[in-house]
């Protein structure tokens, strides 16, 4: 029987040459995918929220229309009307509301001019304490218009755009700088200075000047407003995110709110839908508790979460007393917002603190020359 012998040539390796070890390539084990326990409850948060937005937008449009015709009667070519000045327009005077709040704290007297602005500010701050920045995403007319602008941009361009992280964070700080400036200006004024400012011609018709800003808008104002609108088409909530000092104040208040968006990491399937839905671009899918001052309580993240009991607006867990963080249902949040708004406004109205008590003759004298009224400077006497 013949035997075949194969010659195997072994290459010669020069002395001192390192032979690389044979490495067995092993495939890294993939992270096990969590089983989705799909939620079965119906989420009505966005229907309820948008109903509030629409109602408040209509309310402001109605107040603005009445205020316009009330102002027109005092102008040279205006027609007399039986309409009364709607005090609710003072919600558009947040600085006056802040000044009046400081006046009230220092003097313990409700201011006679623009008191409604102060009570509305108190209501909106109270909402932010209990329900995050709910005013911004549930009631604010500017916030509502801003939201529908970026949604329109999303449909037009197929997406919204996100600024680089370093630029986004830097620009978000602008609204806090603006808030700091206004807070410094208001807190540096003594009681008599606050009273003198509010009783000056400018202070008396500050609401008329706000209306005339939009009625008689100049070229610069129109360009700035146009840039804001265009920017809002591309970037979600451009004004609210970067420039609104009112939102900055409410955000700081929300930092001490007992309610938070909370995520259960054991049930979370890491789909990141919540982070993609967040208008404030917060990493909801990476955090257990959302503590950011940028959270507006819009509940968009909760609405898109497919996993049961994974994401919710809830109160804190109290060790030894409350083992699970109690959830805040949508109906409770909506009811709380309504109770705070109508309760505080109703108190101001029934107690006689809602309307500014300015004689009609003063308006007849000041309104026709509203555009000429100039902002009082520090140290000027009335």
Protein backbone atom coordinates (compact mmCIF):
# COMPACT_ATOMS: atom_id res chain seq x y z
CA UNK A 1 0.00 0.00 0.00
CA UNK A 2 1.52 3.28 -1.07
CA UNK A 3 1.78 6.13 1.37
CA UNK A 4 1.73 9.75 0.21
CA UNK A 5 3.92 12.10 2.14
CA UNK A 6 3.23 15.85 1.82
CA UNK A 7 6.10 18.24 2.30
CA UNK A 8 5.11 21.17 4.51
CA UNK A 9 7.37 24.17 4.13
CA UNK A 10 7.65 26.16 7.35
CA UNK A 11 8.87 29.67 6.67
CA UNK A 12 11.91 30.78 8.54
CA UNK A 13 11.27 33.61 10.99
CA UNK A 14 14.25 35.84 11.61
CA UNK A 15 15.38 35.96 15.25
CA UNK A 16 13.84 38.80 17.28
CA UNK A 17 10.70 39.04 15.16
CA UNK A 18 7.50 39.14 17.21
CA UNK A 19 4.79 36.84 16.03
CA UNK A 20 1.35 38.38 16.48
CA UNK A 21 -0.93 36.24 18.57
CA UNK A 22 -3.94 34.66 16.94
CA UNK A 23 -7.00 36.53 18.13
CA UNK A 24 -10.35 34.89 17.87
CA UNK A 25 -12.92 37.38 16.81
CA UNK A 26 -15.89 37.15 19.02
CA UNK A 27 -19.07 38.95 18.29
CA UNK A 28 -20.10 41.29 21.10
CA UNK A 29 -23.32 40.27 22.68
CA UNK A 30 -26.10 42.65 21.71
CA UNK A 31 -27.95 44.43 24.49
CA UNK A 32 -31.11 42.44 25.16
CA UNK A 33 -34.19 44.22 23.89
CA UNK A 34 -36.78 44.88 26.54
CA UNK A 35 -40.24 43.50 26.04
CA UNK A 36 -42.79 46.19 25.28
CA UNK A 37 -45.81 46.17 27.56
CA UNK A 38 -47.99 48.40 25.48
CA UNK A 39 -50.17 50.96 27.21
CA UNK A 40 -53.89 50.40 26.80
CA UNK A 41 -55.19 53.69 28.19
CA UNK A 42 -56.19 56.48 25.83
CA UNK A 43 -54.04 59.60 26.08
CA UNK A 44 -56.11 62.78 25.74
CA UNK A 45 -53.44 65.18 27.00
CA UNK A 46 -52.87 66.91 23.67
CA UNK A 47 -56.58 67.27 22.89
CA UNK A 48 -57.15 68.85 26.30
CA UNK A 49 -54.07 71.07 26.07
CA UNK A 50 -54.92 72.33 22.59
CA UNK A 51 -58.48 73.04 23.72
CA UNK A 52 -57.05 75.26 26.46
CA UNK A 53 -54.74 76.93 23.95
CA UNK A 54 -57.60 77.64 21.56
CA UNK A 55 -59.91 78.93 24.28
CA UNK A 56 -57.27 81.27 25.70
CA UNK A 57 -56.32 82.49 22.23
CA UNK A 58 -59.96 83.32 21.51
CA UNK A 59 -60.27 85.03 24.90
CA UNK A 60 -57.30 87.26 24.09
CA UNK A 61 -58.65 88.02 20.63
CA UNK A 62 -61.98 89.02 22.18
CA UNK A 63 -60.31 91.21 24.82
CA UNK A 64 -58.08 92.79 22.18
CA UNK A 65 -61.04 93.61 19.94
CA UNK A 66 -62.97 95.26 22.77
CA UNK A 67 -59.87 97.17 23.86
CA UNK A 68 -59.25 98.41 20.30
CA UNK A 69 -62.75 99.90 19.98
CA UNK A 70 -62.52 101.31 23.51
CA UNK A 71 -59.28 103.12 22.56
CA UNK A 72 -60.68 104.31 19.23
CA UNK A 73 -63.43 106.30 20.92
CA UNK A 74 -60.85 108.66 22.44
CA UNK A 75 -59.05 109.31 19.17
CA UNK A 76 -59.95 112.30 16.93
CA UNK A 77 -61.89 110.29 14.35
CA UNK A 78 -63.27 107.71 16.79
CA UNK A 79 -66.93 107.03 17.50
CA UNK A 80 -68.32 106.96 21.06
CA UNK A 81 -69.02 103.53 22.49
CA UNK A 82 -70.52 102.06 25.63
CA UNK A 83 -67.73 99.52 25.93
CA UNK A 84 -65.72 99.42 29.14
CA UNK A 85 -61.97 98.97 29.24
CA UNK A 86 -61.20 95.21 29.58
CA UNK A 87 -58.69 94.90 32.41
CA UNK A 88 -57.61 91.50 31.11
CA UNK A 89 -55.37 93.19 28.52
CA UNK A 90 -52.97 93.92 31.37
CA UNK A 91 -51.79 90.35 31.00
CA UNK A 92 -49.77 91.77 28.09
CA UNK A 93 -47.96 94.08 30.54
CA UNK A 94 -45.74 91.64 32.48
CA UNK A 95 -43.29 94.35 33.60
CA UNK A 96 -46.15 96.43 35.01
CA UNK A 97 -47.39 93.29 36.76
CA UNK A 98 -43.94 92.73 38.26
CA UNK A 99 -43.70 96.35 39.40
CA UNK A 100 -47.13 96.18 40.98
CA UNK A 101 -46.27 92.93 42.73
CA UNK A 102 -43.21 94.55 44.29
CA UNK A 103 -45.30 97.59 45.25
CA UNK A 104 -47.84 95.30 46.92
CA UNK A 105 -45.14 93.38 48.82
CA UNK A 106 -43.51 96.57 50.10
CA UNK A 107 -46.62 98.66 50.83
CA UNK A 108 -49.21 95.93 51.57
CA UNK A 109 -51.65 97.85 49.36
CA UNK A 110 -53.12 96.68 46.08
CA UNK A 111 -52.06 99.20 43.41
CA UNK A 112 -54.81 101.31 41.87
CA UNK A 113 -53.35 101.17 38.33
CA UNK A 114 -53.12 97.93 36.35
CA UNK A 115 -53.87 95.63 39.31
CA UNK A 116 -55.19 92.93 36.95
CA UNK A 117 -51.68 92.49 35.56
CA UNK A 118 -50.41 91.70 39.05
CA UNK A 119 -53.14 89.13 39.75
CA UNK A 120 -52.57 87.45 36.39
CA UNK A 121 -48.85 87.26 37.12
CA UNK A 122 -49.61 85.64 40.49
CA UNK A 123 -51.91 83.12 38.76
CA UNK A 124 -49.32 82.18 36.15
CA UNK A 125 -46.52 81.86 38.72
CA UNK A 126 -48.78 79.63 40.84
CA UNK A 127 -49.45 77.43 37.81
CA UNK A 128 -45.71 77.10 37.22
CA UNK A 129 -45.14 76.07 40.82
CA UNK A 130 -47.76 73.33 40.66
CA UNK A 131 -47.63 72.22 37.02
CA UNK A 132 -44.25 73.25 35.63
CA UNK A 133 -44.34 76.04 33.01
CA UNK A 134 -47.92 75.13 32.14
CA UNK A 135 -48.78 78.73 31.26
CA UNK A 136 -46.28 78.62 28.39
CA UNK A 137 -47.61 75.45 26.77
CA UNK A 138 -51.28 75.56 27.82
CA UNK A 139 -52.33 79.23 27.84
CA UNK A 140 -49.82 81.73 26.46
CA UNK A 141 -51.06 83.13 23.11
CA UNK A 142 -47.48 83.79 21.95
CA UNK A 143 -46.52 80.24 22.91
CA UNK A 144 -49.52 78.87 20.99
CA UNK A 145 -48.69 80.86 17.84
CA UNK A 146 -45.03 79.86 18.16
CA UNK A 147 -45.96 76.19 18.44
CA UNK A 148 -48.13 76.24 15.33
CA UNK A 149 -45.45 78.09 13.41
CA UNK A 150 -42.85 75.35 14.00
CA UNK A 151 -45.45 72.71 13.25
CA UNK A 152 -46.15 74.48 9.96
CA UNK A 153 -42.42 74.59 9.28
CA UNK A 154 -42.21 70.88 10.01
CA UNK A 155 -44.83 70.19 7.35
CA UNK A 156 -43.29 72.58 4.83
CA UNK A 157 -39.68 71.43 5.16
CA UNK A 158 -40.19 67.92 6.52
CA UNK A 159 -38.33 68.72 9.72
CA UNK A 160 -37.32 71.37 12.21
CA UNK A 161 -33.72 72.38 12.72
CA UNK A 162 -31.59 72.15 15.85
CA UNK A 163 -28.78 74.58 16.53
CA UNK A 164 -25.40 73.19 17.66
CA UNK A 165 -25.52 72.27 21.34
CA UNK A 166 -23.03 74.94 22.45
CA UNK A 167 -24.93 77.65 20.58
CA UNK A 168 -28.34 76.42 21.75
CA UNK A 169 -27.27 76.48 25.41
CA UNK A 170 -25.68 79.91 25.04
CA UNK A 171 -28.75 81.43 23.42
CA UNK A 172 -31.07 79.95 26.05
CA UNK A 173 -29.23 82.07 28.59
CA UNK A 174 -30.36 85.29 26.87
CA UNK A 175 -33.85 85.15 28.38
CA UNK A 176 -32.37 84.83 31.86
CA UNK A 177 -30.15 87.84 31.22
CA UNK A 178 -33.22 89.83 30.13
CA UNK A 179 -35.11 88.68 33.23
CA UNK A 180 -32.15 89.67 35.39
CA UNK A 181 -32.10 93.15 33.87
CA UNK A 182 -35.82 93.71 34.43
CA UNK A 183 -35.66 92.26 37.94
CA UNK A 184 -32.74 94.54 38.77
CA UNK A 185 -34.58 97.58 37.39
CA UNK A 186 -37.75 96.81 39.36
CA UNK A 187 -36.12 95.80 42.64
CA UNK A 188 -33.91 98.91 42.63
CA UNK A 189 -37.02 101.15 42.80
CA UNK A 190 -38.46 102.28 46.12
CA UNK A 191 -42.19 102.33 46.83
CA UNK A 192 -42.60 106.02 45.99
CA UNK A 193 -40.65 105.55 42.75
CA UNK A 194 -42.86 102.65 41.74
CA UNK A 195 -45.99 104.69 42.46
CA UNK A 196 -44.62 107.69 40.54
CA UNK A 197 -43.81 105.54 37.53
CA UNK A 198 -47.21 103.82 37.41
CA UNK A 199 -49.05 107.15 37.84
CA UNK A 200 -47.04 108.91 35.14
CA UNK A 201 -48.76 109.46 31.76
CA UNK A 202 -46.66 106.62 30.33
CA UNK A 203 -47.68 104.25 33.13
CA UNK A 204 -51.38 105.11 32.90
CA UNK A 205 -51.61 104.32 29.17
CA UNK A 206 -48.94 101.61 28.95
CA UNK A 207 -51.61 99.27 27.59
CA UNK A 208 -52.54 101.76 24.86
CA UNK A 209 -48.89 102.10 23.90
CA UNK A 210 -48.65 98.31 23.63
CA UNK A 211 -51.65 98.29 21.29
CA UNK A 212 -50.23 101.14 19.22
CA UNK A 213 -46.95 99.30 18.84
CA UNK A 214 -48.78 96.78 16.67
CA UNK A 215 -51.15 99.31 15.09
CA UNK A 216 -48.44 101.78 14.09
CA UNK A 217 -45.55 99.38 13.68
CA UNK A 218 -42.46 100.94 12.17
CA UNK A 219 -40.04 99.39 9.73
CA UNK A 220 -37.64 98.20 12.42
CA UNK A 221 -40.40 96.56 14.43
CA UNK A 222 -41.81 94.86 11.34
CA UNK A 223 -38.37 93.48 10.38
CA UNK A 224 -37.75 92.14 13.89
CA UNK A 225 -41.20 90.55 14.03
CA UNK A 226 -40.69 89.04 10.57
CA UNK A 227 -37.35 87.54 11.59
CA UNK A 228 -39.00 86.03 14.69
CA UNK A 229 -41.76 84.46 12.59
CA UNK A 230 -39.33 83.03 10.03
CA UNK A 231 -37.00 81.72 12.76
CA UNK A 232 -39.99 80.05 14.46
CA UNK A 233 -40.73 78.10 11.28
CA UNK A 234 -37.30 76.49 11.41
CA UNK A 235 -36.54 76.28 15.15
CA UNK A 236 -39.08 75.05 17.68
CA UNK A 237 -40.37 77.83 19.96
CA UNK A 238 -37.62 80.28 18.96
CA UNK A 239 -38.95 83.23 20.99
CA UNK A 240 -39.93 81.12 23.99
CA UNK A 241 -36.68 79.16 24.06
CA UNK A 242 -34.22 82.00 23.68
CA UNK A 243 -35.73 85.41 24.40
CA UNK A 244 -38.87 85.38 26.59
CA UNK A 245 -38.07 86.78 30.09
CA UNK A 246 -41.57 85.87 31.29
CA UNK A 247 -40.84 82.23 30.47
CA UNK A 248 -37.50 82.54 32.28
CA UNK A 249 -39.29 83.69 35.45
CA UNK A 250 -41.79 80.84 35.23
CA UNK A 251 -38.99 78.36 34.53
CA UNK A 252 -37.11 79.41 37.67
CA UNK A 253 -40.36 79.01 39.63
CA UNK A 254 -40.85 75.55 38.12
CA UNK A 255 -37.48 74.44 39.52
CA UNK A 256 -39.10 74.16 42.96
CA UNK A 257 -42.27 72.55 41.64
CA UNK A 258 -43.19 69.24 43.30
CA UNK A 259 -44.37 67.84 39.97
CA UNK A 260 -41.92 66.37 37.48
CA UNK A 261 -41.93 64.25 34.36
CA UNK A 262 -40.61 60.94 35.67
CA UNK A 263 -39.40 57.90 33.70
CA UNK A 264 -39.42 54.29 34.89
CA UNK A 265 -36.17 52.84 33.48
CA UNK A 266 -37.25 49.25 34.20
CA UNK A 267 -40.24 49.52 31.86
CA UNK A 268 -38.65 51.90 29.33
CA UNK A 269 -37.81 50.20 26.00
CA UNK A 270 -35.33 52.95 25.01
CA UNK A 271 -37.17 53.91 21.83
CA UNK A 272 -36.30 57.63 22.36
CA UNK A 273 -39.70 58.75 21.06
CA UNK A 274 -40.10 60.99 24.11
CA UNK A 275 -36.87 62.87 23.41
CA UNK A 276 -37.79 63.36 19.75
CA UNK A 277 -41.20 64.74 20.72
CA UNK A 278 -39.90 67.21 23.33
CA UNK A 279 -40.21 70.79 21.96
CA UNK A 280 -37.50 71.90 24.40
CA UNK A 281 -35.06 69.27 23.08
CA UNK A 282 -34.58 67.69 26.51
CA UNK A 283 -33.03 64.19 26.73
CA UNK A 284 -36.10 62.66 28.33
CA UNK A 285 -35.01 59.13 27.37
CA UNK A 286 -31.73 59.50 29.29
CA UNK A 287 -33.06 60.95 32.54
CA UNK A 288 -35.06 59.50 35.40
CA UNK A 289 -36.54 62.84 36.49
CA UNK A 290 -36.84 65.94 34.32
CA UNK A 291 -35.71 68.80 36.51
CA UNK A 292 -34.88 71.33 33.79
CA UNK A 293 -36.35 74.83 33.91
CA UNK A 294 -37.00 74.40 30.17
CA UNK A 295 -39.73 71.78 30.69
CA UNK A 296 -43.09 73.39 29.88
CA UNK A 297 -45.34 70.58 31.09
CA UNK A 298 -46.77 70.15 27.58
CA UNK A 299 -46.93 66.34 28.09
CA UNK A 300 -45.87 65.71 24.47
CA UNK A 301 -43.35 63.12 25.71
CA UNK A 302 -45.98 61.33 27.78
CA UNK A 303 -48.40 61.28 24.85
CA UNK A 304 -46.01 59.49 22.47
CA UNK A 305 -44.61 56.95 24.96
CA UNK A 306 -45.84 53.48 23.91
CA UNK A 307 -44.86 51.65 27.10
CA UNK A 308 -47.29 51.23 29.98
CA UNK A 309 -46.58 53.15 33.21
CA UNK A 310 -43.21 54.36 31.90
CA UNK A 311 -43.55 58.13 31.61
CA UNK A 312 -45.82 60.43 33.58
CA UNK A 313 -46.18 63.76 35.30
CA UNK A 314 -46.07 62.85 38.96
CA UNK A 315 -45.45 64.02 42.49
CA UNK A 316 -42.37 62.92 44.44
CA UNK A 317 -42.15 59.59 46.22
CA UNK A 318 -42.00 59.92 49.99
CA UNK A 319 -39.94 57.11 51.59
CA UNK A 320 -41.90 55.36 54.30
CA UNK A 321 -45.19 57.00 53.30
CA UNK A 322 -45.61 56.95 49.54
CA UNK A 323 -43.71 54.14 47.84
CA UNK A 324 -44.67 55.07 44.28
CA UNK A 325 -44.62 58.57 42.84
CA UNK A 326 -48.30 59.57 42.59
CA UNK A 327 -49.28 60.38 39.02
CA UNK A 328 -51.00 63.64 38.15
CA UNK A 329 -53.79 62.77 35.67
CA UNK A 330 -54.42 65.06 32.72
CA UNK A 331 -57.85 65.98 34.03
CA UNK A 332 -56.32 67.00 37.39
CA UNK A 333 -53.74 69.21 35.68
CA UNK A 334 -56.39 70.81 33.47
CA UNK A 335 -58.71 71.35 36.44
CA UNK A 336 -55.87 72.81 38.51
CA UNK A 337 -54.95 75.31 35.78
CA UNK A 338 -58.60 76.35 35.40
CA UNK A 339 -59.16 76.66 39.16
CA UNK A 340 -56.07 78.83 39.62
CA UNK A 341 -56.95 81.10 36.71
CA UNK A 342 -60.65 81.58 37.42
CA UNK A 343 -60.15 81.50 41.19
CA UNK A 344 -57.55 84.30 41.31
CA UNK A 345 -59.29 86.39 38.63
CA UNK A 346 -62.64 85.84 40.35
CA UNK A 347 -61.20 86.92 43.71
CA UNK A 348 -59.78 90.11 42.20
CA UNK A 349 -63.08 90.94 40.52
CA UNK A 350 -65.34 90.27 43.48
CA UNK A 351 -63.05 92.13 45.87
CA UNK A 352 -62.97 95.22 43.63
CA UNK A 353 -59.26 94.95 42.79
CA UNK A 354 -59.53 94.00 39.11
CA UNK A 355 -60.14 97.30 37.31
CA UNK A 356 -57.97 100.41 37.16
CA UNK A 357 -59.89 103.33 38.60
CA UNK A 358 -58.89 106.07 36.18
CA UNK A 359 -61.33 108.94 35.44
CA UNK A 360 -62.59 109.01 31.87
CA UNK A 361 -61.32 112.58 31.49
CA UNK A 362 -57.74 111.37 32.03
CA UNK A 363 -58.09 108.88 29.18
CA UNK A 364 -59.61 111.58 26.97
CA UNK A 365 -56.55 113.70 27.64
CA UNK A 366 -53.85 111.00 27.30
CA UNK A 367 -55.02 108.46 24.71
CA UNK A 368 -55.00 110.82 21.68
CA UNK A 369 -51.33 111.60 22.45
CA UNK A 370 -50.29 108.09 23.49
CA UNK A 371 -47.50 107.91 20.91
CA UNK A 372 -45.95 111.05 22.42
CA UNK A 373 -45.81 109.70 25.98
CA UNK A 374 -42.23 108.82 26.81
CA UNK A 375 -40.80 106.37 29.30
CA UNK A 376 -39.92 108.15 32.59
CA UNK A 377 -36.24 108.06 33.45
CA UNK A 378 -34.91 107.26 36.95
CA UNK A 379 -34.93 110.31 39.19
CA UNK A 380 -37.54 112.20 37.20
CA UNK A 381 -40.47 113.56 39.12
CA UNK A 382 -43.99 113.00 37.91
